[in-house]
Amino acid sequence: MAEITVTEYLLLHQKKSPHATGLFTGLLYDLILSGKIISRRINKAGLLDILGGTGEINVQGENVQKLDELANHILTWRMERCGALCAMSSEENAELIRIRPEFPSGDYILIFDPLDGSSNIDVNINVGTIFSILRRPHGNCGEVTLEEVLQPGVNQVAAGYMLYGPSTMLVFSTGQGVHGFTLDPGVGEFLLSHPDMRIPQQGNIYSVNEGNRKNWDEATRQVVDWFHACQAKDGKNYSSRYVGALVADFHRTLINGGIYMYPADAAKPQGKLRLMCEAAPLAFLAEQAGGRASDGTGRILERAPAHLHMRTPLFIGSADDVAAVEKIYAEHKNHS
């Protein structure tokens, strides 16, 4: 079978998506090119003195890594010039990034985490770029407002991630299923390697940072204890796997099934993960692949963000496993 490049795939499927236009395809092309550049820099990280921190703290209150700053610059510089966007929001920037008047603009809004898990680069663990694409409400013109950007995840027209590891992968959806592409460094192209990815209905792996257990409420402890004690449908006990890089943990869950959990706790009562640039795009992929994503009580994609960097608990993965979590939280609420 002939190998299909991501560009060929986008052009072949452009007519199947009601929102897809040449401008939208161009947006994805520039986003993919940015990922290739970031991947190349990461592969040389130990040789270019771009490991470690910058000494600065970002809007999230986290230490900024040199590669965070580099990836953010690559994405904002290139995507501002793509001609399809009216605004961007990055995890690393406190405010909305509006496209300057000297550049052409369009109706799309790009939300992204430039380098998720960047603190793991120093120890050579997988990291990734997460992205979400929204469309400006129809008929609006002039300078984009923050209210136009604060849309629930169900409005996303595309979402995905680039995973930088032993191989570089692009996984994305435009609402027509989830498809994975692997970068062939010899030709510099992403080739279709994982068509129509599906999450198993139930898995046998749970992923959570159990070091936070002392800060969990009783309901969350019951959730994790359920996975300790329960057997999956295949008769196997659940195993614990936790990388500590969201993209890497989610990618494993997407392929093998199971559940990734980052609940709220006493130290982070609203949750740790960002709704717009982390939870919503991965929730879009999960649902497109037959899985589910919840904050413990309801669908992540239906949550309306109150601000750009709003946080949320996240339970994502196989549909049956996420349903089990929601059932435990609901029962605990009813008994309290």
Foldseek 3Di string as FASTA:
>chain_A
DDWDFPLNVCVVCQVVAPPRDPLNSLLVVLVVVLVLVLLVCLVCVVPPVQADFPPDAAPLRHTHGSSQVVLVCSCVVRNLQSQEAQWEAEPRDPDIGGRDPVHHYHFKYKYKHRWFPRNCSVVQDKIKIWMWMAGFPPPDDDRDDQVRVQAFLVRTQKIWMWIRHPWIKTWMDRLQAIWMFTADVVVRTTTTDGPRQAAPLAAQEEEEDCVCVVFADPLVVVLVVCLQPDADPVRHRRDYDYDPGLVVVLVCQSHGWHKYWFAAGNVRNATSAFLRHRQSRSQSNQVSRPWAKDLQADGSRPDGDPGRRGHTIIIIHNHVSSVVSNVSSVVVVVVD
